[in-house]
Amino acid sequence: MSLIKIDAVVDYVKTIDLGFPEVEEVVQLEGGYVNYIYRVKFRVEWRSQKSVVLKYTSDHMRLFTQMKMDSSRQEYEYEGLKLLKENLPADYVAQIPKVLHYDETNRVIIMQDLGDLLSLKQRIIQNLNSSSSQAKEIGRGLAQFLLFVHSFPTSTQILKTFQHDLGRRLATNGPSIIVERCRTLLNLTEDQIQIMSKAADLMIKSIFDANQQLTVGDFWTGNILVDSSGDKNLKLYVVDYEAMKIGVPELDVSQMIAEMYLAGRHYHTSDNLQLMIDEFLTTWMMDKQQETTEIRKEKKRMIMIGFGVHLMRFYSDWSTPESPDVNIKAVQLGADYVLDGSGDMVDSKKIFTFV
């Protein structure tokens, strides 16, 4: 069954044995490049809800239909949502949407509709994080959520579910191309190119060697929905777990920082963004105080390398007519962090001070 058309979604909802009322309207939502996401609106309320969200995972990318993708990735999303919903403390700032229905055969998840919340990416771009206390709370809340995921006990069943090559292959897309980017776009010495190559090899090896800790896998500002009517009512919703896997925790951290930086820098919105980054990184690293100095240093090293690789991989997504040189600056900054993270600078440099 294909649900890439709205009429097909309407017909599909009629077949679900959940007592849904008559559908009033189906609206396709902007849900990234990959999946088909719809808001299904009912004529009358269902369990105090006027609508639900339906996510359909096809065997191709939504915006690039010629690019094939393994639809089994939705299994990891469902298992991740179920795991976190059952175990995530209710008083955490960061929560997840509730799953209402899962159809493994047709690759469909129906979830709680969180409404028209802006993502953290949109809020940064629009400079809406105006309160310093709110910016810090967002940083702390995201770090708290990550620490919970990273420290979750990995039973035999969890290892069996989340130790998969799909997530590993997606994670190695970045490091596998950075040497080419350096040669094409930057004026680096051959010695620097070799350092970049070794850093890429280290990152790829770490991804494939990971065998203990659960990671989100795609932890970025576009997957964080922000619900706030004031500092005291802040709530974050972390969505999209298709890339959840046994992996490298530091790469969850570096991806979020890189995306915070990209959104703020390229749209020239810096209101309290540095506070958010500082609080996020400090809170996550504070949990590592009992570890040896050498272990902490290696964690910082992987965060710096991961940050640099992410900038070099995704720089083209942030090009703007107003900033024609922004791509090269992003690639150069990414290279600087990979080079510094590969050497002694990792121990002496105050990392991630941008704004």
Foldseek 3Di string as FASTA:
>chain_A
DDDLDQVVVQVVVVPDPPPAAHWDDKDWDPDDFAWTKIWTAHPDDDPNDRIKMKIFGDQATSNDRVHGHDLCLLVQQVVVLVVCVVDPDPPQQEAAWAWDDADNVRRMTITHDPPDFDFQLVCQLVLVCQDLLLLLSLLLRLLVVLVCQFPPFCDPVNLVRFADVRLLVVLLPLLVCLLVLCVVQHDDDPVLSVLSNVLSVVQSCQFNPQRTTKGQSQQERSQWTWDDPDSVPTHIHGHDRSSIHRGQSLLNLLRHLLRLCLSCVLSVRDNSSLSNNVSNVCSNLVVVVVPDPVVSLLSLLNSLLSNLSNLSVCLVVRDDPVCNCSSSVSNVSSSVSSSCSSDPVSPPDPPDDDD
